[in-house]
Amino acid sequence: NSYSIAFFILLKQSLCRQLLYQYRFNLYLCHVWKFFQCKFPTLSKNKDKMKEIKVFLASSEEMEYDRLAFSDLIRKLDNIYEKRGVRIKLYQWEDFDASYNDKRKQDEYNEYIKQSDMFLSLFRTKAGKFTVEEFELAKTEHQEKGSPKPHVYCRDLYPGEVEDITLTEFKQKLFDEMGHFFAKYSSKDGLNLHFVMQLQLFENSRLEQ
């Protein structure tokens, strides 16, 4: 019996020490977390208050090179803005599910346009049917709801290329109905630089609201 009593006493003391160590360890973790909250407040705040800027990119297949470059730009900007509590998400038709689901694919793309904050359409030689449809939807949504904000970019023609009548008519309609001047660019760097400035203006306008 004396051995049993001694065993239980030792066991009790051991459990008490373990609980004490665990308590001290948890207390230490709390102090460490509070320290990082003070030194790096974005670690605790940005995760809970992360904002998102959704960008929809529209164009025909002839703009594939510029689309890839723009997609890479968004990836880099997303990494930078994440530290400021903002994520930048890009929507483009290459990323959507290509399987059949009893719904017109363009209608699916249009739903993402309605959810977007910024809409970009790229043109070079022609104005494709679906790209124009997407722009018209973005324009209507912006007029009725204030979002997305539509942007039109036209790349300079390559030597020997001729502008198609579809693009000429689109430009004319753009000016006649909206008084809107499209942005011209001659390289992917020009497009990217212009967008970065527009993105900053957009973010500033949201902060002022």
C-alpha atoms as a PDB file:
ATOM      1  CA  ASN A   1       0.000   0.000   0.000  1.00  0.00           C
ATOM      2  CA  SER A   2       2.807   2.397   0.831  1.00  0.00           C
ATOM      3  CA  TYR A   3       4.297   1.761  -2.602  1.00  0.00           C
ATOM      4  CA  SER A   4       0.960   2.480  -4.255  1.00  0.00           C
ATOM      5  CA  ILE A   5       0.571   5.715  -2.345  1.00  0.00           C
ATOM      6  CA  ALA A   6       4.096   6.789  -3.264  1.00  0.00           C
ATOM      7  CA  PHE A   7       3.454   5.910  -6.919  1.00  0.00           C
ATOM      8  CA  PHE A   8       0.285   8.004  -7.076  1.00  0.00           C
ATOM      9  CA  ILE A   9       2.034  10.918  -5.379  1.00  0.00           C
ATOM     10  CA  LEU A  10       4.848  10.812  -7.942  1.00  0.00           C
ATOM     11  CA  LEU A  11       2.336  10.492 -10.770  1.00  0.00           C
ATOM     12  CA  LYS A  12       0.401  13.457  -9.482  1.00  0.00           C
ATOM     13  CA  GLN A  13       3.555  15.538  -9.212  1.00  0.00           C
ATOM     14  CA  SER A  14       4.578  14.528 -12.741  1.00  0.00           C
ATOM     15  CA  LEU A  15       1.195  15.484 -14.175  1.00  0.00           C
ATOM     16  CA  CYS A  16       1.287  18.797 -12.349  1.00  0.00           C
ATOM     17  CA  ARG A  17       4.734  19.558 -13.807  1.00  0.00           C
ATOM     18  CA  GLN A  18       3.517  18.679 -17.319  1.00  0.00           C
ATOM     19  CA  LEU A  19       0.476  20.907 -16.953  1.00  0.00           C
ATOM     20  CA  LEU A  20       2.677  23.687 -15.647  1.00  0.00           C
ATOM     21  CA  TYR A  21       5.084  23.317 -18.573  1.00  0.00           C
ATOM     22  CA  GLN A  22       2.177  23.301 -21.005  1.00  0.00           C
ATOM     23  CA  TYR A  23       0.705  26.414 -19.419  1.00  0.00           C
ATOM     24  CA  ARG A  24       4.035  28.220 -19.563  1.00  0.00           C
ATOM     25  CA  PHE A  25       4.541  27.171 -23.189  1.00  0.00           C
ATOM     26  CA  ASN A  26       1.091  28.415 -24.201  1.00  0.00           C
ATOM     27  CA  LEU A  27       1.733  31.646 -22.357  1.00  0.00           C
ATOM     28  CA  TYR A  28       5.025  31.988 -24.222  1.00  0.00           C
ATOM     29  CA  LEU A  29       3.264  31.491 -27.553  1.00  0.00           C
ATOM     30  CA  CYS A  30       0.753  34.187 -26.661  1.00  0.00           C
ATOM     31  CA  HIS A  31       3.565  36.631 -25.901  1.00  0.00           C
ATOM     32  CA  VAL A  32       5.305  35.766 -29.170  1.00  0.00           C
ATOM     33  CA  TRP A  33       2.096  36.277 -31.169  1.00  0.00           C
ATOM     34  CA  LYS A  34       1.410  39.594 -29.459  1.00  0.00           C
ATOM     35  CA  PHE A  35       4.972  40.667 -30.233  1.00  0.00           C
ATOM     36  CA  PHE A  36       4.503  39.948 -33.937  1.00  0.00           C
ATOM     37  CA  GLN A  37       1.139  41.689 -33.928  1.00  0.00           C
ATOM     38  CA  CYS A  38       2.844  44.834 -32.649  1.00  0.00           C
ATOM     39  CA  LYS A  39       5.882  44.604 -34.906  1.00  0.00           C
ATOM     40  CA  PHE A  40       4.086  43.383 -38.020  1.00  0.00           C
ATOM     41  CA  PRO A  41       0.392  44.290 -37.757  1.00  0.00           C
ATOM     42  CA  THR A  42      -0.311  43.160 -41.338  1.00  0.00           C
ATOM     43  CA  LEU A  43       0.304  39.545 -40.259  1.00  0.00           C
ATOM     44  CA  SER A  44      -2.809  39.609 -38.114  1.00  0.00           C
ATOM     45  CA  LYS A  45      -4.957  42.225 -39.839  1.00  0.00           C
ATOM     46  CA  ASN A  46      -4.486  41.735 -43.562  1.00  0.00           C
ATOM     47  CA  LYS A  47      -5.464  38.088 -43.466  1.00  0.00           C
ATOM     48  CA  ASP A  48      -8.861  38.913 -41.969  1.00  0.00           C
ATOM     49  CA  LYS A  49      -9.410  42.076 -44.016  1.00  0.00           C
ATOM     50  CA  MET A  50      -7.946  40.939 -47.333  1.00  0.00           C
ATOM     51  CA  LYS A  51      -9.533  42.839 -50.216  1.00  0.00           C
ATOM     52  CA  GLU A  52      -9.738  41.648 -53.802  1.00  0.00           C
ATOM     53  CA  ILE A  53      -9.536  43.412 -57.152  1.00  0.00           C
ATOM     54  CA  LYS A  54     -11.006  41.303 -59.968  1.00  0.00           C
ATOM     55  CA  VAL A  55      -9.777  41.956 -63.495  1.00  0.00           C
ATOM     56  CA  PHE A  56     -11.359  40.473 -66.622  1.00  0.00           C
ATOM     57  CA  LEU A  57      -9.220  40.313 -69.770  1.00  0.00           C
ATOM     58  CA  ALA A  58     -11.000  40.051 -73.135  1.00  0.00           C
ATOM     59  CA  SER A  59      -9.461  39.643 -76.592  1.00  0.00           C
ATOM     60  CA  SER A  60      -9.240  37.332 -79.571  1.00  0.00           C
ATOM     61  CA  GLU A  61      -6.578  34.661 -80.057  1.00  0.00           C
ATOM     62  CA  GLU A  62      -4.366  36.991 -82.087  1.00  0.00           C
ATOM     63  CA  MET A  63      -3.468  38.719 -78.804  1.00  0.00           C
ATOM     64  CA  GLU A  64      -2.137  35.532 -77.189  1.00  0.00           C
ATOM     65  CA  TYR A  65       1.379  36.931 -76.667  1.00  0.00           C
ATOM     66  CA  ASP A  66       0.095  40.057 -74.920  1.00  0.00           C
ATOM     67  CA  ARG A  67      -2.343  38.005 -72.851  1.00  0.00           C
ATOM     68  CA  LEU A  68       0.458  35.810 -71.532  1.00  0.00           C
ATOM     69  CA  ALA A  69       2.572  38.844 -70.669  1.00  0.00           C
ATOM     70  CA  PHE A  70      -0.363  40.502 -68.928  1.00  0.00           C
ATOM     71  CA  SER A  71      -1.114  37.329 -66.962  1.00  0.00           C
ATOM     72  CA  ASP A  72       2.493  37.277 -65.742  1.00  0.00           C
ATOM     73  CA  LEU A  73       2.177  40.931 -64.713  1.00  0.00           C
ATOM     74  CA  ILE A  74      -0.938  40.198 -62.651  1.00  0.00           C
ATOM     75  CA  ARG A  75       0.876  37.353 -60.875  1.00  0.00           C
ATOM     76  CA  LYS A  76       3.709  39.698 -59.886  1.00  0.00           C
ATOM     77  CA  LEU A  77       1.340  42.477 -58.834  1.00  0.00           C
ATOM     78  CA  ASP A  78      -0.669  40.028 -56.746  1.00  0.00           C
ATOM     79  CA  ASN A  79       2.468  39.060 -54.808  1.00  0.00           C
ATOM     80  CA  ILE A  80       3.266  42.725 -54.165  1.00  0.00           C
ATOM     81  CA  TYR A  81      -0.250  43.857 -53.261  1.00  0.00           C
ATOM     82  CA  GLU A  82      -0.841  40.875 -50.976  1.00  0.00           C
ATOM     83  CA  LYS A  83       1.542  42.454 -48.458  1.00  0.00           C
ATOM     84  CA  ARG A  84      -0.776  45.474 -48.488  1.00  0.00           C
ATOM     85  CA  GLY A  85      -3.865  43.381 -47.823  1.00  0.00           C
ATOM     86  CA  VAL A  86      -5.049  43.248 -51.440  1.00  0.00           C
ATOM     87  CA  ARG A  87      -5.301  40.282 -53.809  1.00  0.00           C
ATOM     88  CA  ILE A  88      -5.542  40.761 -57.580  1.00  0.00           C
ATOM     89  CA  LYS A  89      -7.451  38.075 -59.449  1.00  0.00           C
ATOM     90  CA  LEU A  90      -7.414  37.700 -63.230  1.00  0.00           C
ATOM     91  CA  TYR A  91     -10.274  36.216 -65.248  1.00  0.00           C
ATOM     92  CA  GLN A  92      -9.568  35.100 -68.814  1.00  0.00           C
ATOM     93  CA  TRP A  93     -11.200  32.484 -70.989  1.00  0.00           C
ATOM     94  CA  GLU A  94      -8.136  30.203 -71.024  1.00  0.00           C
ATOM     95  CA  ASP A  95      -8.589  29.528 -67.312  1.00  0.00           C
ATOM     96  CA  PHE A  96     -12.232  28.459 -67.423  1.00  0.00           C
ATOM     97  CA  ASP A  97     -13.535  24.906 -67.561  1.00  0.00           C
ATOM     98  CA  ALA A  98     -13.841  23.836 -71.204  1.00  0.00           C
ATOM     99  CA  SER A  99     -16.198  20.909 -70.558  1.00  0.00           C
ATOM    100  CA  TYR A 100     -19.852  20.970 -71.625  1.00  0.00           C
ATOM    101  CA  ASN A 101     -22.295  21.863 -68.857  1.00  0.00           C
ATOM    102  CA  ASP A 102     -25.553  22.601 -70.698  1.00  0.00           C
ATOM    103  CA  LYS A 103     -24.777  26.324 -70.859  1.00  0.00           C
ATOM    104  CA  ARG A 104     -23.306  28.579 -73.509  1.00  0.00           C
ATOM    105  CA  LYS A 105     -19.663  29.186 -72.604  1.00  0.00           C
ATOM    106  CA  GLN A 106     -19.926  32.866 -73.381  1.00  0.00           C
ATOM    107  CA  ASP A 107     -22.730  33.164 -70.823  1.00  0.00           C
ATOM    108  CA  GLU A 108     -20.350  31.741 -68.219  1.00  0.00           C
ATOM    109  CA  TYR A 109     -17.684  34.288 -69.130  1.00  0.00           C
ATOM    110  CA  ASN A 110     -20.286  37.050 -68.939  1.00  0.00           C
ATOM    111  CA  GLU A 111     -21.083  36.130 -65.336  1.00  0.00           C
ATOM    112  CA  TYR A 112     -17.444  36.712 -64.405  1.00  0.00           C
ATOM    113  CA  ILE A 113     -17.529  40.073 -66.181  1.00  0.00           C
ATOM    114  CA  LYS A 114     -20.394  41.134 -63.925  1.00  0.00           C
ATOM    115  CA  GLN A 115     -18.340  40.197 -60.858  1.00  0.00           C
ATOM    116  CA  SER A 116     -15.244  42.097 -61.996  1.00  0.00           C
ATOM    117  CA  ASP A 117     -13.934  45.471 -60.875  1.00  0.00           C
ATOM    118  CA  MET A 118     -11.915  46.237 -64.012  1.00  0.00           C
ATOM    119  CA  PHE A 119     -12.515  45.097 -67.593  1.00  0.00           C
ATOM    120  CA  LEU A 120      -9.791  45.185 -70.249  1.00  0.00           C
ATOM    121  CA  SER A 121     -10.327  44.484 -73.942  1.00  0.00           C
ATOM    122  CA  LEU A 122      -7.343  44.157 -76.292  1.00  0.00           C
ATOM    123  CA  PHE A 123      -7.492  44.669 -80.067  1.00  0.00           C
ATOM    124  CA  ARG A 124      -5.014  44.674 -82.949  1.00  0.00           C
ATOM    125  CA  THR A 125      -6.389  43.963 -86.424  1.00  0.00           C
ATOM    126  CA  LYS A 126     -10.018  43.035 -85.731  1.00  0.00           C
ATOM    127  CA  ALA A 127     -12.877  43.264 -83.259  1.00  0.00           C
ATOM    128  CA  GLY A 128     -14.100  39.739 -82.631  1.00  0.00           C
ATOM    129  CA  LYS A 129     -17.793  39.050 -82.075  1.00  0.00           C
ATOM    130  CA  PHE A 130     -17.399  37.740 -78.543  1.00  0.00           C
ATOM    131  CA  THR A 131     -14.892  40.387 -77.471  1.00  0.00           C
ATOM    132  CA  VAL A 132     -17.340  43.089 -78.578  1.00  0.00           C
ATOM    133  CA  GLU A 133     -20.161  41.293 -76.748  1.00  0.00           C
ATOM    134  CA  GLU A 134     -18.060  41.225 -73.585  1.00  0.00           C
ATOM    135  CA  PHE A 135     -17.244  44.919 -73.899  1.00  0.00           C
ATOM    136  CA  GLU A 136     -20.900  45.834 -74.413  1.00  0.00           C
ATOM    137  CA  LEU A 137     -21.826  43.890 -71.278  1.00  0.00           C
ATOM    138  CA  ALA A 138     -19.066  45.552 -69.239  1.00  0.00           C
ATOM    139  CA  LYS A 139     -20.177  48.971 -70.499  1.00  0.00           C
ATOM    140  CA  THR A 140     -23.810  48.294 -69.565  1.00  0.00           C
ATOM    141  CA  GLU A 141     -22.858  46.975 -66.126  1.00  0.00           C
ATOM    142  CA  HIS A 142     -20.705  50.030 -65.512  1.00  0.00           C
ATOM    143  CA  GLN A 143     -23.474  52.407 -66.541  1.00  0.00           C
ATOM    144  CA  GLU A 144     -26.050  50.679 -64.358  1.00  0.00           C
ATOM    145  CA  LYS A 145     -23.980  49.592 -61.358  1.00  0.00           C
ATOM    146  CA  GLY A 146     -20.698  51.491 -61.599  1.00  0.00           C
ATOM    147  CA  SER A 147     -18.622  48.333 -62.108  1.00  0.00           C
ATOM    148  CA  PRO A 148     -16.602  46.960 -63.838  1.00  0.00           C
ATOM    149  CA  LYS A 149     -14.646  49.911 -65.159  1.00  0.00           C
ATOM    150  CA  PRO A 150     -14.061  49.242 -68.905  1.00  0.00           C
ATOM    151  CA  HIS A 151     -10.721  49.894 -70.610  1.00  0.00           C
ATOM    152  CA  VAL A 152      -9.998  49.526 -74.341  1.00  0.00           C
ATOM    153  CA  TYR A 153      -6.471  48.954 -75.660  1.00  0.00           C
ATOM    154  CA  CYS A 154      -5.466  48.831 -79.318  1.00  0.00           C
ATOM    155  CA  ARG A 155      -2.022  47.588 -80.253  1.00  0.00           C
ATOM    156  CA  ASP A 156      -0.179  49.189 -83.166  1.00  0.00           C
ATOM    157  CA  LEU A 157      -0.356  47.112 -86.335  1.00  0.00           C
ATOM    158  CA  TYR A 158       2.639  45.054 -87.365  1.00  0.00           C
ATOM    159  CA  PRO A 159       4.267  45.950 -90.708  1.00  0.00           C
ATOM    160  CA  GLY A 160       2.066  44.741 -93.553  1.00  0.00           C
ATOM    161  CA  GLU A 161      -1.068  44.326 -91.413  1.00  0.00           C
ATOM    162  CA  VAL A 162      -4.333  46.052 -92.288  1.00  0.00           C
ATOM    163  CA  GLU A 163      -7.074  46.981 -89.859  1.00  0.00           C
ATOM    164  CA  ASP A 164     -10.260  45.010 -90.387  1.00  0.00           C
ATOM    165  CA  ILE A 165     -13.547  46.839 -90.918  1.00  0.00           C
ATOM    166  CA  THR A 166     -14.894  45.304 -87.703  1.00  0.00           C
ATOM    167  CA  LEU A 167     -12.304  47.140 -85.629  1.00  0.00           C
ATOM    168  CA  THR A 168     -12.725  50.397 -87.548  1.00  0.00           C
ATOM    169  CA  GLU A 169     -16.472  50.333 -86.925  1.00  0.00           C
ATOM    170  CA  PHE A 170     -15.958  49.425 -83.268  1.00  0.00           C
ATOM    171  CA  LYS A 171     -13.636  52.389 -82.739  1.00  0.00           C
ATOM    172  CA  GLN A 172     -16.077  54.737 -84.419  1.00  0.00           C
ATOM    173  CA  LYS A 173     -18.978  53.446 -82.341  1.00  0.00           C
ATOM    174  CA  LEU A 174     -16.866  53.763 -79.215  1.00  0.00           C
ATOM    175  CA  PHE A 175     -16.320  57.449 -79.916  1.00  0.00           C
ATOM    176  CA  ASP A 176     -19.830  58.247 -81.190  1.00  0.00           C
ATOM    177  CA  GLU A 177     -21.698  56.599 -78.300  1.00  0.00           C
ATOM    178  CA  MET A 178     -19.312  57.148 -75.410  1.00  0.00           C
ATOM    179  CA  GLY A 179     -16.888  59.834 -76.508  1.00  0.00           C
ATOM    180  CA  HIS A 180     -14.287  57.348 -75.379  1.00  0.00           C
ATOM    181  CA  PHE A 181     -10.744  57.299 -76.724  1.00  0.00           C
ATOM    182  CA  PHE A 182      -9.024  53.931 -76.677  1.00  0.00           C
ATOM    183  CA  ALA A 183      -5.470  53.621 -75.377  1.00  0.00           C
ATOM    184  CA  LYS A 184      -2.793  52.794 -77.942  1.00  0.00           C
ATOM    185  CA  TYR A 185       0.324  50.780 -77.199  1.00  0.00           C
ATOM    186  CA  SER A 186       3.194  49.371 -79.231  1.00  0.00           C
ATOM    187  CA  SER A 187       4.592  46.706 -76.869  1.00  0.00           C
ATOM    188  CA  LYS A 188       3.602  44.542 -73.922  1.00  0.00           C
ATOM    189  CA  ASP A 189       5.630  46.810 -71.658  1.00  0.00           C
ATOM    190  CA  GLY A 190       3.573  49.789 -72.780  1.00  0.00           C
ATOM    191  CA  LEU A 191       0.355  47.913 -72.016  1.00  0.00           C
ATOM    192  CA  ASN A 192       1.600  46.767 -68.631  1.00  0.00           C
ATOM    193  CA  LEU A 193       2.794  50.216 -67.598  1.00  0.00           C
ATOM    194  CA  HIS A 194      -0.503  51.826 -68.542  1.00  0.00           C
ATOM    195  CA  PHE A 195      -2.446  49.202 -66.615  1.00  0.00           C
ATOM    196  CA  VAL A 196      -0.324  49.607 -63.476  1.00  0.00           C
ATOM    197  CA  MET A 197      -1.152  53.326 -63.471  1.00  0.00           C
ATOM    198  CA  GLN A 198      -4.858  52.582 -63.968  1.00  0.00           C
ATOM    199  CA  LEU A 199      -4.755  50.024 -61.171  1.00  0.00           C
ATOM    200  CA  GLN A 200      -3.275  52.564 -58.792  1.00  0.00           C
ATOM    201  CA  LEU A 201      -5.924  55.115 -59.748  1.00  0.00           C
ATOM    202  CA  PHE A 202      -8.617  52.507 -59.175  1.00  0.00           C
ATOM    203  CA  GLU A 203      -7.251  51.586 -55.750  1.00  0.00           C
ATOM    204  CA  ASN A 204      -7.016  55.252 -54.764  1.00  0.00           C
ATOM    205  CA  SER A 205     -10.624  55.830 -55.800  1.00  0.00           C
ATOM    206  CA  ARG A 206     -11.755  52.943 -53.586  1.00  0.00           C
ATOM    207  CA  LEU A 207      -9.892  54.356 -50.609  1.00  0.00           C
ATOM    208  CA  GLU A 208     -11.665  57.694 -51.072  1.00  0.00           C
ATOM    209  CA  GLN A 209     -15.117  56.068 -50.960  1.00  0.00           C
END
